[in-house]
Amino acid sequence: MTKVVEDWKFMSMVLDRFFLWLFTIACFVGTFGIIFQSPSLYDTRVPVDQELSSIPMRKNNFYYPKDVETIGIV
């Protein structure tokens, strides 16, 4: 009788580990599937803020626009 109980405990441990791996893989595949379906990854249009902005677009642009400096906000 104890041999049967030990066999079932081992079988439940194996199934538990199998379903843990199955759940983990399903979570990762689902997450990456949702992220890669994002339309912003494949959108090649120019963003609206770059299209309509009067601030020059350059790397490390830490300057305020002239009208903000003259008002005295900063």
PDB file of N, CA and C in Angstrom:
ATOM      1  N   MET A   1       0.819  -1.202   0.000  1.00  0.00           N
ATOM      2  CA  MET A   1       0.000   0.000   0.000  1.00  0.00           C
ATOM      3  C   MET A   1       0.863   1.266   0.000  1.00  0.00           C
ATOM      4  N   THR A   2       1.917   1.288   0.799  1.00  0.00           N
ATOM      5  CA  THR A   2       2.764   2.486   0.850  1.00  0.00           C
ATOM      6  C   THR A   2       3.519   2.677  -0.461  1.00  0.00           C
ATOM      7  N   LYS A   3       3.786   1.590  -1.174  1.00  0.00           N
ATOM      8  CA  LYS A   3       4.451   1.703  -2.479  1.00  0.00           C
ATOM      9  C   LYS A   3       3.560   2.435  -3.481  1.00  0.00           C
ATOM     10  N   VAL A   4       2.275   2.143  -3.443  1.00  0.00           N
ATOM     11  CA  VAL A   4       1.327   2.809  -4.332  1.00  0.00           C
ATOM     12  C   VAL A   4       1.228   4.293  -3.977  1.00  0.00           C
ATOM     13  N   VAL A   5       1.205   4.613  -2.705  1.00  0.00           N
ATOM     14  CA  VAL A   5       1.126   6.007  -2.267  1.00  0.00           C
ATOM     15  C   VAL A   5       2.377   6.760  -2.697  1.00  0.00           C
ATOM     16  N   GLU A   6       3.541   6.154  -2.536  1.00  0.00           N
ATOM     17  CA  GLU A   6       4.799   6.791  -2.940  1.00  0.00           C
ATOM     18  C   GLU A   6       4.849   6.992  -4.462  1.00  0.00           C
ATOM     19  N   ASP A   7       4.337   6.035  -5.204  1.00  0.00           N
ATOM     20  CA  ASP A   7       4.295   6.176  -6.667  1.00  0.00           C
ATOM     21  C   ASP A   7       3.385   7.329  -7.081  1.00  0.00           C
ATOM     22  N   TRP A   8       2.236   7.459  -6.421  1.00  0.00           N
ATOM     23  CA  TRP A   8       1.329   8.558  -6.740  1.00  0.00           C
ATOM     24  C   TRP A   8       1.920   9.906  -6.346  1.00  0.00           C
ATOM     25  N   LYS A   9       2.654   9.958  -5.240  1.00  0.00           N
ATOM     26  CA  LYS A   9       3.313  11.204  -4.848  1.00  0.00           C
ATOM     27  C   LYS A   9       4.355  11.606  -5.887  1.00  0.00           C
ATOM     28  N   PHE A  10       5.102  10.620  -6.356  1.00  0.00           N
ATOM     29  CA  PHE A  10       6.105  10.912  -7.378  1.00  0.00           C
ATOM     30  C   PHE A  10       5.441  11.370  -8.673  1.00  0.00           C
ATOM     31  N   MET A  11       4.367  10.695  -9.054  1.00  0.00           N
ATOM     32  CA  MET A  11       3.647  11.059 -10.278  1.00  0.00           C
ATOM     33  C   MET A  11       3.059  12.461 -10.162  1.00  0.00           C
ATOM     34  N   SER A  12       2.531  12.804  -9.005  1.00  0.00           N
ATOM     35  CA  SER A  12       1.977  14.148  -8.840  1.00  0.00           C
ATOM     36  C   SER A  12       3.074  15.200  -8.888  1.00  0.00           C
ATOM     37  N   MET A  13       4.263  14.872  -8.365  1.00  0.00           N
ATOM     38  CA  MET A  13       5.377  15.816  -8.429  1.00  0.00           C
ATOM     39  C   MET A  13       5.831  16.018  -9.876  1.00  0.00           C
ATOM     40  N   VAL A  14       5.879  14.946 -10.643  1.00  0.00           N
ATOM     41  CA  VAL A  14       6.272  15.043 -12.053  1.00  0.00           C
ATOM     42  C   VAL A  14       5.265  15.867 -12.834  1.00  0.00           C
ATOM     43  N   LEU A  15       3.989  15.603 -12.637  1.00  0.00           N
ATOM     44  CA  LEU A  15       2.947  16.370 -13.336  1.00  0.00           C
ATOM     45  C   LEU A  15       2.939  17.828 -12.913  1.00  0.00           C
ATOM     46  N   ASP A  16       3.169  18.067 -11.628  1.00  0.00           N
ATOM     47  CA  ASP A  16       3.228  19.445 -11.141  1.00  0.00           C
ATOM     48  C   ASP A  16       4.371  20.201 -11.815  1.00  0.00           C
ATOM     49  N   ARG A  17       5.532  19.594 -11.897  1.00  0.00           N
ATOM     50  CA  ARG A  17       6.679  20.237 -12.549  1.00  0.00           C
ATOM     51  C   ARG A  17       6.416  20.445 -14.037  1.00  0.00           C
ATOM     52  N   PHE A  18       5.794  19.469 -14.690  1.00  0.00           N
ATOM     53  CA  PHE A  18       5.472  19.586 -16.116  1.00  0.00           C
ATOM     54  C   PHE A  18       4.518  20.748 -16.369  1.00  0.00           C
ATOM     55  N   PHE A  19       3.467  20.846 -15.565  1.00  0.00           N
ATOM     56  CA  PHE A  19       2.501  21.932 -15.751  1.00  0.00           C
ATOM     57  C   PHE A  19       3.087  23.283 -15.384  1.00  0.00           C
ATOM     58  N   LEU A  20       4.041  23.320 -14.452  1.00  0.00           N
ATOM     59  CA  LEU A  20       4.733  24.568 -14.146  1.00  0.00           C
ATOM     60  C   LEU A  20       5.511  25.058 -15.367  1.00  0.00           C
ATOM     61  N   TRP A  21       6.240  24.166 -16.003  1.00  0.00           N
ATOM     62  CA  TRP A  21       6.995  24.548 -17.212  1.00  0.00           C
ATOM     63  C   TRP A  21       6.045  24.940 -18.350  1.00  0.00           C
ATOM     64  N   LEU A  22       4.965  24.203 -18.498  1.00  0.00           N
ATOM     65  CA  LEU A  22       3.992  24.508 -19.542  1.00  0.00           C
ATOM     66  C   LEU A  22       3.377  25.895 -19.316  1.00  0.00           C
ATOM     67  N   PHE A  23       3.021  26.219 -18.084  1.00  0.00           N
ATOM     68  CA  PHE A  23       2.449  27.517 -17.757  1.00  0.00           C
ATOM     69  C   PHE A  23       3.469  28.634 -17.985  1.00  0.00           C
ATOM     70  N   THR A  24       4.716  28.405 -17.581  1.00  0.00           N
ATOM     71  CA  THR A  24       5.761  29.420 -17.759  1.00  0.00           C
ATOM     72  C   THR A  24       5.998  29.709 -19.232  1.00  0.00           C
ATOM     73  N   ILE A  25       6.098  28.688 -20.030  1.00  0.00           N
ATOM     74  CA  ILE A  25       6.312  28.869 -21.476  1.00  0.00           C
ATOM     75  C   ILE A  25       5.115  29.570 -22.104  1.00  0.00           C
ATOM     76  N   ALA A  26       3.902  29.189 -21.703  1.00  0.00           N
ATOM     77  CA  ALA A  26       2.704  29.830 -22.248  1.00  0.00           C
ATOM     78  C   ALA A  26       2.662  31.314 -21.878  1.00  0.00           C
ATOM     79  N   CYS A  27       3.081  31.659 -20.668  1.00  0.00           N
ATOM     80  CA  CYS A  27       3.101  33.068 -20.260  1.00  0.00           C
ATOM     81  C   CYS A  27       4.091  33.867 -21.088  1.00  0.00           C
ATOM     82  N   PHE A  28       5.290  33.329 -21.288  1.00  0.00           N
ATOM     83  CA  PHE A  28       6.293  34.040 -22.081  1.00  0.00           C
ATOM     84  C   PHE A  28       5.863  34.176 -23.541  1.00  0.00           C
ATOM     85  N   VAL A  29       5.347  33.119 -24.123  1.00  0.00           N
ATOM     86  CA  VAL A  29       4.894  33.176 -25.520  1.00  0.00           C
ATOM     87  C   VAL A  29       3.735  34.163 -25.659  1.00  0.00           C
ATOM     88  N   GLY A  30       2.805  34.156 -24.729  1.00  0.00           N
ATOM     89  CA  GLY A  30       1.687  35.089 -24.780  1.00  0.00           C
ATOM     90  C   GLY A  30       2.138  36.533 -24.624  1.00  0.00           C
ATOM     91  N   THR A  31       3.077  36.766 -23.705  1.00  0.00           N
ATOM     92  CA  THR A  31       3.580  38.118 -23.497  1.00  0.00           C
ATOM     93  C   THR A  31       4.279  38.642 -24.739  1.00  0.00           C
ATOM     94  N   PHE A  32       5.172  37.843 -25.298  1.00  0.00           N
ATOM     95  CA  PHE A  32       5.873  38.286 -26.507  1.00  0.00           C
ATOM     96  C   PHE A  32       4.918  38.415 -27.691  1.00  0.00           C
ATOM     97  N   GLY A  33       3.908  37.555 -27.759  1.00  0.00           N
ATOM     98  CA  GLY A  33       2.924  37.671 -28.820  1.00  0.00           C
ATOM     99  C   GLY A  33       2.144  38.974 -28.744  1.00  0.00           C
ATOM    100  N   ILE A  34       1.785  39.386 -27.542  1.00  0.00           N
ATOM    101  CA  ILE A  34       1.065  40.654 -27.368  1.00  0.00           C
ATOM    102  C   ILE A  34       1.966  41.834 -27.692  1.00  0.00           C
ATOM    103  N   ILE A  35       3.213  41.785 -27.225  1.00  0.00           N
ATOM    104  CA  ILE A  35       4.140  42.898 -27.477  1.00  0.00           C
ATOM    105  C   ILE A  35       4.434  43.037 -28.968  1.00  0.00           C
ATOM    106  N   PHE A  36       4.643  41.932 -29.660  1.00  0.00           N
ATOM    107  CA  PHE A  36       4.988  42.018 -31.079  1.00  0.00           C
ATOM    108  C   PHE A  36       3.796  42.316 -31.974  1.00  0.00           C
ATOM    109  N   GLN A  37       2.590  42.294 -31.442  1.00  0.00           N
ATOM    110  CA  GLN A  37       1.423  42.709 -32.214  1.00  0.00           C
ATOM    111  C   GLN A  37       1.162  44.203 -32.089  1.00  0.00           C
ATOM    112  N   SER A  38       1.976  44.880 -31.304  1.00  0.00           N
ATOM    113  CA  SER A  38       1.791  46.306 -31.094  1.00  0.00           C
ATOM    114  C   SER A  38       1.957  47.064 -32.408  1.00  0.00           C
ATOM    115  N   PRO A  39       0.989  47.880 -32.786  1.00  0.00           N
ATOM    116  CA  PRO A  39       1.085  48.581 -34.065  1.00  0.00           C
ATOM    117  C   PRO A  39       2.201  49.620 -34.087  1.00  0.00           C
ATOM    118  N   SER A  40       2.611  50.120 -32.933  1.00  0.00           N
ATOM    119  CA  SER A  40       3.663  51.136 -32.928  1.00  0.00           C
ATOM    120  C   SER A  40       5.015  50.567 -33.326  1.00  0.00           C
ATOM    121  N   LEU A  41       5.193  49.257 -33.260  1.00  0.00           N
ATOM    122  CA  LEU A  41       6.462  48.661 -33.684  1.00  0.00           C
ATOM    123  C   LEU A  41       6.631  48.715 -35.204  1.00  0.00           C
ATOM    124  N   TYR A  42       5.528  48.688 -35.916  1.00  0.00           N
ATOM    125  CA  TYR A  42       5.581  48.608 -37.370  1.00  0.00           C
ATOM    126  C   TYR A  42       5.128  49.892 -38.056  1.00  0.00           C
ATOM    127  N   ASP A  43       4.894  50.942 -37.292  1.00  0.00           N
ATOM    128  CA  ASP A  43       4.427  52.210 -37.838  1.00  0.00           C
ATOM    129  C   ASP A  43       5.631  53.040 -38.272  1.00  0.00           C
ATOM    130  N   THR A  44       5.735  53.340 -39.549  1.00  0.00           N
ATOM    131  CA  THR A  44       6.900  54.071 -40.067  1.00  0.00           C
ATOM    132  C   THR A  44       6.603  55.551 -40.276  1.00  0.00           C
ATOM    133  N   ARG A  45       5.407  56.008 -39.890  1.00  0.00           N
ATOM    134  CA  ARG A  45       5.078  57.420 -40.057  1.00  0.00           C
ATOM    135  C   ARG A  45       5.841  58.273 -39.050  1.00  0.00           C
ATOM    136  N   VAL A  46       6.022  59.549 -39.378  1.00  0.00           N
ATOM    137  CA  VAL A  46       6.676  60.489 -38.470  1.00  0.00           C
ATOM    138  C   VAL A  46       5.709  60.816 -37.339  1.00  0.00           C
ATOM    139  N   PRO A  47       6.153  60.779 -36.075  1.00  0.00           N
ATOM    140  CA  PRO A  47       5.255  61.102 -34.970  1.00  0.00           C
ATOM    141  C   PRO A  47       4.732  62.533 -35.067  1.00  0.00           C
ATOM    142  N   VAL A  48       3.513  62.743 -34.553  1.00  0.00           N
ATOM    143  CA  VAL A  48       2.860  64.039 -34.650  1.00  0.00           C
ATOM    144  C   VAL A  48       3.653  65.108 -33.897  1.00  0.00           C
ATOM    145  N   ASP A  49       4.208  64.767 -32.738  1.00  0.00           N
ATOM    146  CA  ASP A  49       4.940  65.780 -31.976  1.00  0.00           C
ATOM    147  C   ASP A  49       6.201  66.231 -32.707  1.00  0.00           C
ATOM    148  N   GLN A  50       6.832  65.357 -33.473  1.00  0.00           N
ATOM    149  CA  GLN A  50       7.993  65.769 -34.271  1.00  0.00           C
ATOM    150  C   GLN A  50       7.556  66.569 -35.491  1.00  0.00           C
ATOM    151  N   GLU A  51       6.397  66.245 -36.003  1.00  0.00           N
ATOM    152  CA  GLU A  51       5.895  66.909 -37.201  1.00  0.00           C
ATOM    153  C   GLU A  51       5.451  68.345 -36.915  1.00  0.00           C
ATOM    154  N   LEU A  52       4.850  68.590 -35.767  1.00  0.00           N
ATOM    155  CA  LEU A  52       4.265  69.893 -35.468  1.00  0.00           C
ATOM    156  C   LEU A  52       5.064  70.722 -34.469  1.00  0.00           C
ATOM    157  N   SER A  53       6.133  70.184 -33.919  1.00  0.00           N
ATOM    158  CA  SER A  53       6.872  70.881 -32.869  1.00  0.00           C
ATOM    159  C   SER A  53       7.717  72.013 -33.439  1.00  0.00           C
ATOM    160  N   SER A  54       7.780  73.105 -32.682  1.00  0.00           N
ATOM    161  CA  SER A  54       8.646  74.211 -33.092  1.00  0.00           C
ATOM    162  C   SER A  54      10.019  74.105 -32.432  1.00  0.00           C
ATOM    163  N   ILE A  55      10.177  73.165 -31.510  1.00  0.00           N
ATOM    164  CA  ILE A  55      11.466  72.940 -30.866  1.00  0.00           C
ATOM    165  C   ILE A  55      12.321  72.103 -31.816  1.00  0.00           C
ATOM    166  N   PRO A  56      13.535  72.519 -32.090  1.00  0.00           N
ATOM    167  CA  PRO A  56      14.372  71.738 -33.011  1.00  0.00           C
ATOM    168  C   PRO A  56      14.672  70.352 -32.434  1.00  0.00           C
ATOM    169  N   MET A  57      14.581  69.356 -33.286  1.00  0.00           N
ATOM    170  CA  MET A  57      14.842  67.988 -32.867  1.00  0.00           C
ATOM    171  C   MET A  57      16.326  67.681 -33.031  1.00  0.00           C
ATOM    172  N   ARG A  58      17.020  67.595 -31.937  1.00  0.00           N
ATOM    173  CA  ARG A  58      18.421  67.191 -31.979  1.00  0.00           C
ATOM    174  C   ARG A  58      18.696  66.369 -30.726  1.00  0.00           C
ATOM    175  N   LYS A  59      19.785  65.647 -30.772  1.00  0.00           N
ATOM    176  CA  LYS A  59      20.138  64.781 -29.666  1.00  0.00           C
ATOM    177  C   LYS A  59      20.508  65.626 -28.450  1.00  0.00           C
ATOM    178  N   ASN A  60      20.080  65.206 -27.265  1.00  0.00           N
ATOM    179  CA  ASN A  60      20.344  65.895 -26.004  1.00  0.00           C
ATOM    180  C   ASN A  60      19.837  67.336 -26.037  1.00  0.00           C
ATOM    181  N   ASN A  61      18.598  67.523 -26.450  1.00  0.00           N
ATOM    182  CA  ASN A  61      18.001  68.848 -26.520  1.00  0.00           C
ATOM    183  C   ASN A  61      17.480  69.223 -25.141  1.00  0.00           C
ATOM    184  N   PHE A  62      18.297  69.942 -24.373  1.00  0.00           N
ATOM    185  CA  PHE A  62      17.912  70.345 -23.038  1.00  0.00           C
ATOM    186  C   PHE A  62      17.624  71.839 -22.953  1.00  0.00           C
ATOM    187  N   TYR A  63      17.411  72.496 -24.078  1.00  0.00           N
ATOM    188  CA  TYR A  63      17.152  73.930 -24.088  1.00  0.00           C
ATOM    189  C   TYR A  63      15.654  74.182 -24.106  1.00  0.00           C
ATOM    190  N   TYR A  64      15.230  75.234 -23.408  1.00  0.00           N
ATOM    191  CA  TYR A  64      13.831  75.632 -23.431  1.00  0.00           C
ATOM    192  C   TYR A  64      13.577  76.523 -24.638  1.00  0.00           C
ATOM    193  N   PRO A  65      12.358  76.540 -25.150  1.00  0.00           N
ATOM    194  CA  PRO A  65      12.038  77.446 -26.255  1.00  0.00           C
ATOM    195  C   PRO A  65      12.203  78.900 -25.818  1.00  0.00           C
ATOM    196  N   LYS A  66      12.382  79.785 -26.788  1.00  0.00           N
ATOM    197  CA  LYS A  66      12.630  81.209 -26.496  1.00  0.00           C
ATOM    198  C   LYS A  66      11.470  81.855 -25.749  1.00  0.00           C
ATOM    199  N   ASP A  67      10.225  81.513 -26.086  1.00  0.00           N
ATOM    200  CA  ASP A  67       9.101  82.163 -25.431  1.00  0.00           C
ATOM    201  C   ASP A  67       9.007  81.787 -23.955  1.00  0.00           C
ATOM    202  N   VAL A  68       9.417  80.599 -23.581  1.00  0.00           N
ATOM    203  CA  VAL A  68       9.406  80.191 -22.188  1.00  0.00           C
ATOM    204  C   VAL A  68      10.467  80.931 -21.422  1.00  0.00           C
ATOM    205  N   GLU A  69      11.636  81.146 -22.036  1.00  0.00           N
ATOM    206  CA  GLU A  69      12.724  81.857 -21.370  1.00  0.00           C
ATOM    207  C   GLU A  69      12.377  83.323 -21.160  1.00  0.00           C
ATOM    208  N   THR A  70      11.683  83.954 -22.121  1.00  0.00           N
ATOM    209  CA  THR A  70      11.374  85.387 -22.000  1.00  0.00           C
ATOM    210  C   THR A  70      10.251  85.646 -21.007  1.00  0.00           C
ATOM    211  N   ILE A  71       9.333  84.684 -20.812  1.00  0.00           N
ATOM    212  CA  ILE A  71       8.255  84.873 -19.854  1.00  0.00           C
ATOM    213  C   ILE A  71       8.803  84.819 -18.425  1.00  0.00           C
ATOM    214  N   GLY A  72       9.829  84.055 -18.241  1.00  0.00           N
ATOM    215  CA  GLY A  72      10.427  83.932 -16.928  1.00  0.00           C
ATOM    216  C   GLY A  72       9.907  82.758 -16.127  1.00  0.00           C
ATOM    217  N   ILE A  73       9.415  81.733 -16.803  1.00  0.00           N
ATOM    218  CA  ILE A  73       8.933  80.544 -16.096  1.00  0.00           C
ATOM    219  C   ILE A  73      10.105  79.767 -15.509  1.00  0.00           C
ATOM    220  N   VAL A  74      11.197  79.722 -16.269  1.00  0.00           N
ATOM    221  CA  VAL A  74      12.353  78.928 -15.785  1.00  0.00           C
ATOM    222  C   VAL A  74      13.442  79.826 -15.276  1.00  0.00           C
TER     223      VAL A  74
END
